[in-house]
Protein backbone atom coordinates (compact mmCIF):
# COMPACT_ATOMS: atom_id res chain seq x y z
CA UNK A 1 -14.87 12.22 5.58
CA UNK A 2 -11.85 10.81 3.74
CA UNK A 3 -9.85 8.19 5.62
CA UNK A 4 -6.51 8.62 3.83
CA UNK A 5 -4.23 11.59 4.29
CA UNK A 6 -3.76 14.10 1.50
CA UNK A 7 -0.18 14.96 0.46
CA UNK A 8 -1.14 17.19 -2.48
CA UNK A 9 -0.07 20.30 -0.60
CA UNK A 10 3.44 18.90 -0.95
CA UNK A 11 3.42 17.18 -4.33
CA UNK A 12 1.10 15.22 -6.64
CA UNK A 13 3.65 12.46 -7.23
CA UNK A 14 7.29 11.77 -7.95
CA UNK A 15 6.65 12.89 -11.55
CA UNK A 16 5.13 16.20 -10.40
CA UNK A 17 7.06 19.01 -12.20
CA UNK A 18 7.26 20.88 -8.90
CA UNK A 19 8.90 17.88 -7.23
CA UNK A 20 11.51 17.73 -10.01
CA UNK A 21 12.02 21.50 -9.83
CA UNK A 22 12.53 21.41 -6.05
CA UNK A 23 14.92 18.47 -6.38
CA UNK A 24 16.97 20.46 -8.90
CA UNK A 25 16.85 23.54 -6.65
CA UNK A 26 18.09 21.46 -3.75
CA UNK A 27 20.99 20.16 -5.84
CA UNK A 28 21.93 23.71 -6.81
CA UNK A 29 21.66 24.97 -3.22
CA UNK A 30 23.93 22.17 -2.04
CA UNK A 31 26.45 22.83 -4.84
CA UNK A 32 26.57 26.52 -3.90
CA UNK A 33 26.79 25.66 -0.20
CA UNK A 34 29.73 23.33 -0.85
CA UNK A 35 31.56 26.08 -2.77
CA UNK A 36 30.92 28.71 -0.10
CA UNK A 37 32.02 26.46 2.75
CA UNK A 38 35.19 25.44 0.90
CA UNK A 39 36.18 29.12 0.57
CA UNK A 40 35.13 30.11 4.10
CA UNK A 41 37.86 31.15 6.55
CA UNK A 42 38.48 28.74 9.41
CA UNK A 43 37.57 31.38 11.99
CA UNK A 44 34.40 33.24 11.00
CA UNK A 45 33.21 36.72 11.72
CA UNK A 46 29.59 37.55 12.39
CA UNK A 47 28.78 37.97 8.66
CA UNK A 48 30.35 34.64 7.70
CA UNK A 49 28.52 32.79 10.50
CA UNK A 50 25.25 34.38 9.49
CA UNK A 51 25.84 33.42 5.85
CA UNK A 52 26.41 29.77 6.78
CA UNK A 53 23.24 29.64 8.87
CA UNK A 54 21.09 31.21 6.14
CA UNK A 55 22.41 28.78 3.53
CA UNK A 56 21.69 25.85 5.85
CA UNK A 57 18.16 27.16 6.37
CA UNK A 58 17.51 27.24 2.62
CA UNK A 59 18.70 23.67 2.16
CA UNK A 60 16.78 22.48 5.23
CA UNK A 61 13.47 23.88 3.98
CA UNK A 62 13.84 22.52 0.44
CA UNK A 63 15.24 19.10 1.33
CA UNK A 64 12.74 18.48 4.14
CA UNK A 65 9.82 19.04 1.81
CA UNK A 66 11.19 16.38 -0.55
CA UNK A 67 12.12 13.81 2.08
CA UNK A 68 8.92 14.19 4.10
CA UNK A 69 6.83 13.60 1.01
CA UNK A 70 8.70 10.40 0.14
CA UNK A 71 8.75 9.11 3.72
CA UNK A 72 5.03 9.78 4.22
CA UNK A 73 4.17 7.96 1.02
CA UNK A 74 6.44 5.08 1.99
CA UNK A 75 4.66 4.75 5.34
CA UNK A 76 1.46 3.73 3.57
CA UNK A 77 3.11 1.87 0.68
CA UNK A 78 6.23 0.12 1.99
CA UNK A 79 6.36 -2.28 -0.97
CA UNK A 80 6.66 0.50 -3.57
CA UNK A 81 10.03 0.10 -5.30
CA UNK A 82 9.96 3.57 -6.86
CA UNK A 83 9.62 5.15 -3.43
CA UNK A 84 12.46 3.02 -2.05
CA UNK A 85 14.67 4.12 -4.94
CA UNK A 86 13.77 7.78 -4.46
CA UNK A 87 14.45 7.53 -0.74
CA UNK A 88 17.93 6.27 -1.62
CA UNK A 89 18.37 9.11 -4.13
CA UNK A 90 17.53 11.67 -1.46
CA UNK A 91 19.88 9.99 1.00
CA UNK A 92 22.66 10.21 -1.59
CA UNK A 93 21.82 13.85 -2.29
CA UNK A 94 21.99 14.65 1.40
CA UNK A 95 25.32 12.86 1.70
CA UNK A 96 26.89 15.21 -0.87
CA UNK A 97 26.98 18.00 1.71
CA UNK A 98 28.21 15.97 4.68
CA UNK A 99 31.81 17.13 4.31
CA UNK A 100 30.63 20.73 4.06
CA UNK A 101 28.36 20.29 7.07
CA UNK A 102 31.30 18.97 9.04
CA UNK A 103 33.52 21.87 8.02
CA UNK A 104 30.69 24.36 8.62
CA UNK A 105 30.22 23.03 12.15
CA UNK A 106 33.94 23.31 12.82
CA UNK A 107 33.91 26.88 11.53
CA UNK A 108 30.84 27.86 13.55
CA UNK A 109 32.38 26.28 16.65
CA UNK A 110 35.18 28.85 16.39
CA UNK A 111 32.87 31.87 16.39
CA UNK A 112 34.24 34.07 19.15
CA UNK A 113 32.12 35.57 21.91
CA UNK A 114 28.74 34.15 21.00
CA UNK A 115 26.83 36.53 23.25
CA UNK A 116 28.42 39.58 21.61
CA UNK A 117 27.81 38.12 18.13
CA UNK A 118 24.16 37.62 19.03
CA UNK A 119 23.84 41.35 19.74
CA UNK A 120 25.07 42.10 16.22
CA UNK A 121 22.94 39.56 14.32
CA UNK A 122 19.32 38.57 14.79
CA UNK A 123 20.04 35.29 12.98
CA UNK A 124 22.82 34.40 15.42
CA UNK A 125 20.66 35.50 18.35
CA UNK A 126 17.89 33.15 17.22
CA UNK A 127 20.38 30.29 16.80
CA UNK A 128 22.33 30.85 20.02
CA UNK A 129 21.39 27.47 21.54
CA UNK A 130 22.01 25.74 18.20
CA UNK A 131 25.48 27.30 18.05
CA UNK A 132 26.18 26.42 21.67
CA UNK A 133 25.43 22.77 20.85
CA UNK A 134 27.77 22.95 17.84
CA UNK A 135 30.55 24.14 20.14
CA UNK A 136 29.82 21.24 22.53
CA UNK A 137 29.75 18.71 19.69
CA UNK A 138 32.91 19.98 18.01
CA UNK A 139 35.19 17.72 20.02
CA UNK A 140 33.23 14.70 18.79
CA UNK A 141 33.43 15.46 15.09
CA UNK A 142 35.50 13.31 12.75
CA UNK A 143 37.54 14.79 9.91
CA UNK A 144 35.63 16.19 6.94
CA UNK A 145 36.57 13.20 4.80
CA UNK A 146 35.65 10.68 7.50
CA UNK A 147 32.24 12.29 8.10
CA UNK A 148 31.50 12.22 4.37
CA UNK A 149 32.62 8.61 4.06
CA UNK A 150 30.57 7.55 7.08
CA UNK A 151 27.41 9.16 5.68
CA UNK A 152 27.91 7.46 2.33
CA UNK A 153 28.71 4.06 3.82
CA UNK A 154 25.67 4.29 6.12
CA UNK A 155 23.41 4.15 3.06
CA UNK A 156 24.47 0.56 2.37
CA UNK A 157 25.23 -0.17 6.02
CA UNK A 158 23.06 0.67 9.01
CA UNK A 159 20.35 2.51 7.10
CA UNK A 160 20.00 -0.39 4.68
CA UNK A 161 19.65 -2.82 7.60
CA UNK A 162 17.04 -0.51 9.09
CA UNK A 163 15.08 -0.51 5.83
CA UNK A 164 15.26 -4.30 5.78
CA UNK A 165 13.68 -4.58 9.24
CA UNK A 166 10.92 -2.15 8.27
CA UNK A 167 10.25 -4.00 5.02
CA UNK A 168 10.16 -7.46 6.60
CA UNK A 169 7.98 -6.47 9.56
CA UNK A 170 5.47 -4.61 7.37
CA UNK A 171 5.17 -7.29 4.68
CA UNK A 172 5.42 -10.59 6.56
CA UNK A 173 2.27 -12.68 6.14
CA UNK A 174 0.67 -13.93 9.35
CA UNK A 175 -1.33 -17.16 9.14
CA UNK A 176 -4.38 -16.64 11.35
CA UNK A 177 -7.76 -18.35 11.36
CA UNK A 178 -7.35 -19.84 7.89
CA UNK A 179 -6.25 -16.63 6.19
CA UNK A 180 -3.21 -14.41 5.85
CA UNK A 181 -3.24 -11.05 7.57
CA UNK A 182 -0.67 -8.36 8.39
CA UNK A 183 1.44 -8.14 11.52
CA UNK A 184 -0.42 -4.96 12.48
CA UNK A 185 -3.77 -6.73 12.15
CA UNK A 186 -2.75 -9.67 14.32
CA UNK A 187 -1.18 -7.44 16.98
CA UNK A 188 -4.43 -5.44 17.17
CA UNK A 189 -6.22 -8.67 18.15
CA UNK A 190 -4.42 -8.51 21.51
CA UNK A 191 -7.18 -6.06 22.50
CA UNK A 192 -10.03 -8.38 21.48
CA UNK A 193 -12.70 -9.23 24.06
CA UNK A 194 -12.44 -12.97 23.31
CA UNK A 195 -9.66 -14.80 25.18
CA UNK A 196 -9.36 -17.45 22.47
CA UNK A 197 -8.84 -14.75 19.84
CA UNK A 198 -6.13 -13.12 21.96
CA UNK A 199 -4.32 -16.41 22.57
CA UNK A 200 -4.57 -17.61 18.96
CA UNK A 201 -3.40 -14.21 17.69
CA UNK A 202 -0.40 -14.27 20.04
CA UNK A 203 0.58 -17.74 18.82
CA UNK A 204 0.13 -16.69 15.17
CA UNK A 205 2.24 -13.59 15.78
CA UNK A 206 5.05 -15.61 17.37
CA UNK A 207 4.96 -18.08 14.46
CA UNK A 208 5.18 -15.23 11.95
CA UNK A 209 8.34 -13.87 13.57
CA UNK A 210 10.01 -17.23 13.00
CA UNK A 211 9.89 -16.45 9.26
CA UNK A 212 11.92 -13.24 9.52
CA UNK A 213 13.78 -13.41 12.85
CA UNK A 214 17.16 -14.54 11.48
CA UNK A 215 17.24 -11.72 8.91
CA UNK A 216 16.18 -9.14 11.47
CA UNK A 217 18.82 -10.47 13.90
CA UNK A 218 21.47 -9.71 11.28
CA UNK A 219 20.04 -6.20 10.93
CA UNK A 220 20.10 -5.57 14.69
CA UNK A 221 23.65 -6.87 15.17
CA UNK A 222 25.07 -4.78 12.36
CA UNK A 223 23.26 -1.59 13.38
CA UNK A 224 24.40 -1.88 16.99
CA UNK A 225 27.97 -2.71 15.94
CA UNK A 226 27.95 0.37 13.74
CA UNK A 227 26.66 2.56 16.58
CA UNK A 228 29.29 1.16 18.97
CA UNK A 229 31.95 1.95 16.40
CA UNK A 230 30.79 5.50 15.66
CA UNK A 231 30.37 6.31 19.36
CA UNK A 232 33.95 5.20 20.01
CA UNK A 233 35.30 7.09 16.98
CA UNK A 234 33.53 10.25 18.13
CA UNK A 235 35.02 9.94 21.60
CA UNK A 236 31.92 8.96 23.57
CA UNK A 237 32.22 6.33 26.26
CA UNK A 238 29.11 4.58 24.93
CA UNK A 239 26.18 4.93 22.52
CA UNK A 240 24.07 5.91 25.56
CA UNK A 241 26.40 8.84 26.29
CA UNK A 242 26.13 9.87 22.63
CA UNK A 243 22.34 9.61 22.79
CA UNK A 244 22.14 11.77 25.91
CA UNK A 245 24.21 14.49 24.27
CA UNK A 246 22.07 14.31 21.14
CA UNK A 247 19.00 14.54 23.36
CA UNK A 248 20.14 17.57 25.38
CA UNK A 249 19.69 15.56 28.57
CA UNK A 250 21.94 15.01 31.58
CA UNK A 251 22.83 11.53 32.81
CA UNK A 252 21.66 12.69 36.26
CA UNK A 253 18.14 13.07 34.88
CA UNK A 254 18.14 9.59 33.33
CA UNK A 255 19.53 8.06 36.52
CA UNK A 256 16.97 9.87 38.68
CA UNK A 257 14.11 8.62 36.50
CA UNK A 258 15.37 5.04 36.19
CA UNK A 259 16.15 4.97 39.92
CA UNK A 260 12.58 5.99 40.72
CA UNK A 261 11.17 3.36 38.33
CA UNK A 262 13.28 0.60 39.88
CA UNK A 263 12.09 1.56 43.38
CA UNK A 264 8.44 1.58 42.33
CA UNK A 265 8.37 -1.51 40.09
CA UNK A 266 6.97 -3.79 42.85
CA UNK A 267 4.07 -1.39 43.40
CA UNK A 268 3.36 -0.97 39.70
CA UNK A 269 3.31 -4.76 39.24
CA UNK A 270 0.21 -4.88 41.46
CA UNK A 271 -1.73 -3.83 38.38
CA UNK A 272 -0.66 -6.94 36.45
CA UNK A 273 -1.27 -9.24 39.43
CA UNK A 274 -4.73 -7.83 40.07
CA UNK A 275 -5.64 -8.06 36.41
CA UNK A 276 -4.43 -11.67 36.34
CA UNK A 277 -6.61 -12.49 39.34
CA UNK A 278 -9.66 -10.85 37.75
CA UNK A 279 -9.09 -12.85 34.56
CA UNK A 280 -8.82 -16.10 36.52
CA UNK A 281 -5.06 -16.71 36.67
CA UNK A 282 -3.31 -17.84 39.84
CA UNK A 283 0.09 -16.26 39.11
CA UNK A 284 1.01 -13.45 36.76
CA UNK A 285 -0.53 -12.60 33.42
CA UNK A 286 0.31 -14.58 30.28
CA UNK A 287 1.70 -12.14 27.72
CA UNK A 288 -1.36 -12.43 25.48
CA UNK A 289 -3.54 -11.08 28.32
CA UNK A 290 -1.60 -7.85 28.81
CA UNK A 291 -4.07 -5.90 26.71
CA UNK A 292 -7.20 -7.92 27.48
CA UNK A 293 -10.08 -5.48 28.03
CA UNK A 294 -11.73 -5.33 31.46
CA UNK A 295 -15.02 -3.73 32.37
CA UNK A 296 -17.71 -3.02 29.84
CA UNK A 297 -16.50 -0.84 27.02
CA UNK A 298 -17.29 -2.95 23.99
CA UNK A 299 -18.55 -0.05 21.92
CA UNK A 300 -16.99 0.64 18.54
CA UNK A 301 -16.68 4.26 17.50
CA UNK A 302 -16.90 5.76 14.03
CA UNK A 303 -14.40 8.31 12.83
CA UNK A 304 -17.03 11.06 13.13
CA UNK A 305 -17.79 10.04 16.71
CA UNK A 306 -14.07 9.99 17.48
CA UNK A 307 -13.73 13.52 16.16
CA UNK A 308 -16.53 14.81 18.38
CA UNK A 309 -15.17 13.01 21.46
CA UNK A 310 -11.70 14.49 21.02
CA UNK A 311 -12.72 18.01 20.09
CA UNK A 312 -15.31 18.14 22.86
CA UNK A 313 -13.00 16.81 25.55
CA UNK A 314 -10.05 19.04 24.71
CA UNK A 315 -12.18 22.16 24.40
CA UNK A 316 -12.11 22.05 28.22
CA UNK A 317 -8.31 22.18 28.14
CA UNK A 318 -7.85 24.85 25.49
CA UNK A 319 -9.86 25.77 22.37
CA UNK A 320 -6.56 25.82 20.46
CA UNK A 321 -6.10 22.07 20.97
CA UNK A 322 -9.72 21.36 20.08
CA UNK A 323 -9.49 23.48 16.94
CA UNK A 324 -6.32 21.73 15.81
CA UNK A 325 -8.00 18.35 16.24
CA UNK A 326 -11.02 19.42 14.20
CA UNK A 327 -8.69 20.70 11.48
CA UNK A 328 -6.83 17.37 11.42
CA UNK A 329 -10.04 15.38 10.90
CA UNK A 330 -11.65 17.70 8.38
CA UNK A 331 -8.59 18.63 6.29
CA UNK A 332 -7.26 15.12 5.60
CA UNK A 333 -4.29 15.07 7.93
CA UNK A 334 -4.95 11.49 9.08
CA UNK A 335 -4.46 8.09 7.42
CA UNK A 336 -6.76 5.88 9.47
CA UNK A 337 -7.08 2.21 8.51
CA UNK A 338 -4.54 -0.67 8.33
CA UNK A 339 -3.83 -2.42 5.05
CA UNK A 340 -1.18 -4.58 3.44
CA UNK A 341 2.08 -2.65 3.03
CA UNK A 342 1.19 0.08 5.51
CA UNK A 343 3.51 0.64 8.47
CA UNK A 344 2.23 -0.62 11.80
CA UNK A 345 1.57 1.46 14.90
CA UNK A 346 1.04 5.19 14.75
CA UNK A 347 3.05 8.37 14.35
CA UNK A 348 2.79 12.11 13.83
CA UNK A 349 4.90 14.06 11.35
CA UNK A 350 5.10 17.83 11.51
CA UNK A 351 5.07 19.41 8.04
CA UNK A 352 6.19 22.90 8.90
CA UNK A 353 6.35 24.20 5.32
CA UNK A 354 2.53 24.01 5.13
CA UNK A 355 1.96 24.67 8.86
CA UNK A 356 0.25 21.29 9.28
CA UNK A 357 0.95 17.75 10.47
CA UNK A 358 0.23 14.29 9.11
CA UNK A 359 -0.85 11.46 11.41
CA UNK A 360 -0.68 7.74 10.65
CA UNK A 361 -2.75 5.37 12.74
CA UNK A 362 -4.24 1.90 12.36
CA UNK A 363 -7.74 2.72 13.56
CA UNK A 364 -10.01 -0.11 14.74
CA UNK A 365 -12.84 1.85 16.36
CA UNK A 366 -12.01 1.05 19.99
CA UNK A 367 -11.47 3.58 22.74
CA UNK A 368 -7.81 2.61 22.58
CA UNK A 369 -7.76 3.86 18.99
CA UNK A 370 -9.26 7.16 20.17
CA UNK A 371 -6.59 7.37 22.84
CA UNK A 372 -3.91 6.75 20.19
CA UNK A 373 -5.24 9.62 18.10
CA UNK A 374 -5.25 11.88 21.17
CA UNK A 375 -1.59 10.93 21.65
CA UNK A 376 -0.57 11.64 18.07
CA UNK A 377 -2.52 14.89 17.93
CA UNK A 378 -0.67 15.92 21.07
CA UNK A 379 2.47 15.66 18.93
CA UNK A 380 0.67 17.81 16.34
CA UNK A 381 -0.03 20.41 19.04
CA UNK A 382 3.68 20.40 19.88
CA UNK A 383 4.47 20.77 16.16
CA UNK A 384 2.25 23.84 16.01
CA UNK A 385 4.03 25.52 18.90
CA UNK A 386 7.41 25.30 17.14
CA UNK A 387 6.31 25.97 13.55
CA UNK A 388 7.06 29.68 13.83
CA UNK A 389 10.59 29.02 15.08
CA UNK A 390 13.40 29.33 12.56
CA UNK A 391 13.78 26.18 10.39
CA UNK A 392 16.63 24.68 12.38
CA UNK A 393 14.92 25.53 15.69
CA UNK A 394 12.00 23.14 15.18
CA UNK A 395 13.55 19.78 16.03
CA UNK A 396 13.06 18.95 19.71
CA UNK A 397 14.77 16.08 21.57
CA UNK A 398 13.11 12.70 21.81
CA UNK A 399 12.24 12.88 25.54
CA UNK A 400 10.11 16.01 25.37
CA UNK A 401 8.75 14.75 22.04
CA UNK A 402 6.64 12.33 24.10
CA UNK A 403 5.43 14.96 26.58
CA UNK A 404 2.54 16.70 24.81
CA UNK A 405 1.34 13.39 23.38
CA UNK A 406 1.30 11.60 26.72
CA UNK A 407 -0.24 14.62 28.45
CA UNK A 408 -3.13 14.32 25.98
CA UNK A 409 -3.62 10.65 26.84
CA UNK A 410 -3.63 11.45 30.56
CA UNK A 411 -6.09 14.32 30.05
CA UNK A 412 -8.47 12.27 27.89
CA UNK A 413 -8.57 9.20 30.12
CA UNK A 414 -8.73 11.15 33.37
CA UNK A 415 -11.66 13.18 32.00
CA UNK A 416 -13.51 10.02 31.03
CA UNK A 417 -12.78 8.25 34.32
CA UNK A 418 -14.10 11.23 36.30
CA UNK A 419 -17.36 11.20 34.33
CA UNK A 420 -17.89 7.43 34.14
CA UNK A 421 -21.56 6.44 34.50
CA UNK A 422 -20.90 3.09 36.19
CA UNK A 423 -18.18 1.13 37.96
CA UNK A 424 -17.85 -1.14 34.92
CA UNK A 425 -17.26 1.83 32.64
CA UNK A 426 -14.84 3.37 35.14
CA UNK A 427 -12.98 0.06 35.37
CA UNK A 428 -12.65 -0.13 31.57
CA UNK A 429 -11.39 3.44 31.33
CA UNK A 430 -8.95 3.13 34.22
CA UNK A 431 -7.67 -0.11 32.77
CA UNK A 432 -7.15 1.53 29.40
CA UNK A 433 -5.17 4.33 31.01
CA UNK A 434 -3.09 1.92 33.10
CA UNK A 435 -2.35 -0.29 30.10
CA UNK A 436 -0.61 2.66 28.48
CA UNK A 437 1.06 3.98 31.63
CA UNK A 438 2.42 0.64 32.78
CA UNK A 439 3.66 -0.18 29.29
CA UNK A 440 5.53 3.14 29.21
CA UNK A 441 7.09 2.34 32.58
CA UNK A 442 7.55 -1.42 32.85
CA UNK A 443 7.83 -2.53 29.23
CA UNK A 444 9.99 0.47 28.37
CA UNK A 445 12.25 -0.45 31.30
CA UNK A 446 12.58 -3.94 29.79
CA UNK A 447 13.44 -2.44 26.38
CA UNK A 448 16.08 -0.22 27.99
CA UNK A 449 17.62 -3.25 29.72
CA UNK A 450 17.50 -5.25 26.47
CA UNK A 451 19.16 -2.58 24.33
CA UNK A 452 21.82 -2.01 26.98
CA UNK A 453 22.60 -5.74 26.97
CA UNK A 454 22.70 -5.91 23.15
CA UNK A 455 25.19 -3.04 22.98
CA UNK A 456 27.37 -4.66 25.63
CA UNK A 457 27.38 -8.16 24.15
CA UNK A 458 27.44 -7.59 20.39
CA UNK A 459 31.00 -6.27 20.63
CA UNK A 460 32.28 -9.73 21.53
CA UNK A 461 29.87 -12.09 19.79
CA UNK A 462 27.33 -12.20 17.02
CA UNK A 463 23.94 -12.43 18.71
CA UNK A 464 21.96 -15.09 16.93
CA UNK A 465 18.17 -15.25 17.10
CA UNK A 466 18.22 -17.49 20.18
CA UNK A 467 20.64 -15.14 21.95
CA UNK A 468 18.40 -12.15 21.29
CA UNK A 469 15.34 -14.06 22.41
CA UNK A 470 17.01 -14.92 25.70
CA UNK A 471 18.16 -11.35 26.26
CA UNK A 472 14.61 -10.14 25.68
CA UNK A 473 13.14 -12.73 28.04
CA UNK A 474 15.67 -11.84 30.72
CA UNK A 475 14.82 -8.14 30.38
CA UNK A 476 11.11 -8.91 30.63
CA UNK A 477 11.65 -11.02 33.75
CA UNK A 478 13.59 -8.19 35.42
CA UNK A 479 10.99 -5.58 34.53
CA UNK A 480 7.68 -7.44 34.92
CA UNK A 481 8.80 -9.79 37.70
CA UNK A 482 5.94 -11.72 39.22
CA UNK A 483 3.46 -9.59 37.27
CA UNK A 484 3.75 -11.87 34.24
CA UNK A 485 3.68 -15.63 33.84
CA UNK A 486 7.35 -16.34 33.09
CA UNK A 487 6.30 -19.31 30.97
CA UNK A 488 4.38 -17.05 28.58
CA UNK A 489 6.45 -13.98 27.74
CA UNK A 490 7.32 -12.46 24.32
CA UNK A 491 10.79 -13.46 23.10
CA UNK A 492 10.42 -11.62 19.78
CA UNK A 493 9.60 -8.10 20.94
CA UNK A 494 12.90 -6.99 19.44
CA UNK A 495 11.77 -7.99 15.93
CA UNK A 496 8.76 -5.70 15.61
CA UNK A 497 9.97 -2.52 17.37
CA UNK A 498 11.51 -0.20 14.80
CA UNK A 499 13.05 1.96 17.51
CA UNK A 500 15.96 -0.47 17.85
CA UNK A 501 16.93 -0.08 14.21
CA UNK A 502 17.95 3.56 13.87
CA UNK A 503 21.49 4.66 13.04
CA UNK A 504 20.60 8.23 13.92
CA UNK A 505 19.44 7.60 17.45
CA UNK A 506 19.90 4.78 19.92
CA UNK A 507 17.87 4.04 23.06
CA UNK A 508 14.57 5.31 21.71
CA UNK A 509 12.84 3.67 24.65
CA UNK A 510 13.38 5.69 27.84
CA UNK A 511 11.80 8.80 26.22
CA UNK A 512 8.42 7.07 26.56
CA UNK A 513 8.93 6.60 30.29
CA UNK A 514 10.11 10.20 30.47
CA UNK A 515 7.01 11.30 28.57
CA UNK A 516 4.46 9.47 30.72
CA UNK A 517 6.09 10.51 34.01
CA UNK A 518 6.76 14.12 32.98
CA UNK A 519 3.17 14.30 31.69
CA UNK A 520 1.84 12.91 34.98
CA UNK A 521 3.70 15.66 36.82
CA UNK A 522 2.42 18.30 34.38
CA UNK A 523 -1.15 17.05 34.70
CA UNK A 524 -0.93 17.33 38.49
CA UNK A 525 0.33 20.90 38.00
CA UNK A 526 -2.58 21.62 35.63
CA UNK A 527 -5.06 20.40 38.25
CA UNK A 528 -3.44 22.65 40.86
CA UNK A 529 -3.24 25.77 38.72
CA UNK A 530 -6.14 25.52 36.30
CA UNK A 531 -6.07 26.04 32.53
CA UNK A 532 -5.84 29.83 32.59
CA UNK A 533 -2.50 29.79 34.41
CA UNK A 534 -1.15 26.48 33.13
CA UNK A 535 -1.79 26.56 29.36
CA UNK A 536 0.30 29.69 28.48
CA UNK A 537 3.30 28.30 30.41
CA UNK A 538 2.80 24.88 28.85
CA UNK A 539 2.73 26.28 25.31
CA UNK A 540 5.81 28.41 26.02
CA UNK A 541 7.63 25.36 27.34
CA UNK A 542 6.74 23.32 24.25
CA UNK A 543 7.87 26.14 21.96
CA UNK A 544 11.19 26.36 23.82
CA UNK A 545 12.02 22.64 23.67
CA UNK A 546 14.16 22.87 20.50
CA UNK A 547 16.18 25.75 21.95
CA UNK A 548 17.00 24.54 25.46
CA UNK A 549 18.07 21.37 27.22
CA UNK A 550 15.59 19.03 28.84
CA UNK A 551 16.35 20.27 32.34
CA UNK A 552 15.75 23.89 31.29
CA UNK A 553 12.41 22.89 29.79
CA UNK A 554 11.44 21.37 33.14
CA UNK A 555 12.58 24.52 34.93
CA UNK A 556 10.14 26.57 32.81
CA UNK A 557 7.42 24.62 34.65
CA UNK A 558 9.29 24.90 37.99
CA UNK A 559 10.28 21.22 37.89
CA UNK A 560 13.75 19.86 38.76
CA UNK A 561 14.22 16.82 36.52
CA UNK A 562 17.45 15.74 38.21
CA UNK A 563 15.58 15.21 41.50
CA UNK A 564 14.42 11.62 41.93
CA UNK A 565 11.62 12.86 44.19
CA UNK A 566 9.87 14.44 41.20
CA UNK A 567 9.84 11.14 39.32
CA UNK A 568 8.67 9.28 42.42
CA UNK A 569 5.79 11.75 42.88
CA UNK A 570 4.74 11.08 39.27
CA UNK A 571 4.86 7.33 39.90
CA UNK A 572 2.79 7.81 43.04
CA UNK A 573 0.11 9.56 40.95
CA UNK A 574 0.02 6.52 38.65
CA UNK A 575 -0.10 4.20 41.67
CA UNK A 576 -3.19 6.10 42.84
CA UNK A 577 -4.84 4.98 39.59
CA UNK A 578 -3.70 1.41 40.33
CA UNK A 579 -5.28 1.65 43.80
CA UNK A 580 -8.55 2.84 42.26
CA UNK A 581 -8.39 0.03 39.70
CA UNK A 582 -7.83 -2.61 42.36
CA UNK A 583 -10.67 -1.20 44.49
CA UNK A 584 -13.07 -1.67 41.58
């Protein structure tokens, strides 16, 4: 089985004649689109609105094929200058239609009687939610010229700073045990069974950040200043308000979830305190022990074994999930192993034009690596549900983006815990599940606090490295409390997390808490109803996520996401796992 993903179904290289042909086609489509939009009346009829939408579809399909290919190649070859240059070319190409996009949105926002128009046009009917969002966003649009200028300036502004962070974090050399390794490699050692390895790796990681922290601090300051500026110019009270609108989510839902987390933090911290006690610490855990393995689960798994574990386990949920997983392994969807220049962590990328996905992971053979693949292939399952939607009805908001993935993690670990052959195995499995769940609750809470503080403070001062370190430590103290040894935290967690460095989306942290808690509620519902009743509703909900708001998606599963009681019930389900862990 090949261990690198295959992108040949897209292109065979930047010099592929088909790549050049598609690039030229995209240029021509954009030129035509710009002409059509310039001549379009300010108030459209049904035919004009339909024409705009169909033109946008054509560009979307062609451009996405190009940009996905380049971005996927960059993910495994971040030091490739040709790919960086081509990424910039595509960004420039996309920017040539920004003014037309702005005008098109303003035109579409003036389409009268959307419900009546939907009766006259299947295209408009399919895009009714999309058009409703355009009407909502219209009041936050800048002038055509300002939107075009912002998109062009972003290339050498926020997006360039974002690329810098990605480049530095993926190429920095870490001095560990007499050799130089990647940041991904050293961070993976946090899961090692040997305490000395974990501690030495943590110290080597911290030392490596010293090499790049000042540069990354400049990147973070400038990106957050830019987002503060654009939020204000667009008439939002804050970047968070802008993010919530982008995410189709009400502030009441965020407040209900965060309120529930704050109430339950003392109970969740029992996990860290109990783990510290089991590892021989009097107080809370040192940071480098957060991911220390407990119980006996020292086995290393091959890729073939991983495939059989995942396909066998998820066959019990639905054969569709199992079949998708088998397809991913056997048809070269997955890039498995870490190497110099490869992005850290893991992600899934839906490639709708070939009805497939591509998954990047940094596989090390542990059960945690299997769990990561279950997570990413949950995203792939979500991709599959929306692939038959119209092209601009396939992009779902970031909160529900973490739902199918986290549901998969919960399903996998719960299945293994229930069938554990010994207390030691059960302890290891429960601990693996709780590591993920508590990170998505407690650490994500700390990241939310940190980003909030950065946005608030960078308006009035430039946050130097030491300032950012202190903000991160303060956020960790608030979130982890007595669960961690306050003398051994992680002041540089802002350097390695790419989520802070997007100019397209701020606060990419609370979606993980949303995902794990929404998934916990869904899993409880699955246990109550059984697969036969649950799976069709679940698939329908996933398919609907690009065409409804978050609260409507919850309602499809009979869940009120603005009710704090729902979030507390999900936290109580996780606390039941903590109780079982402590009892072992």
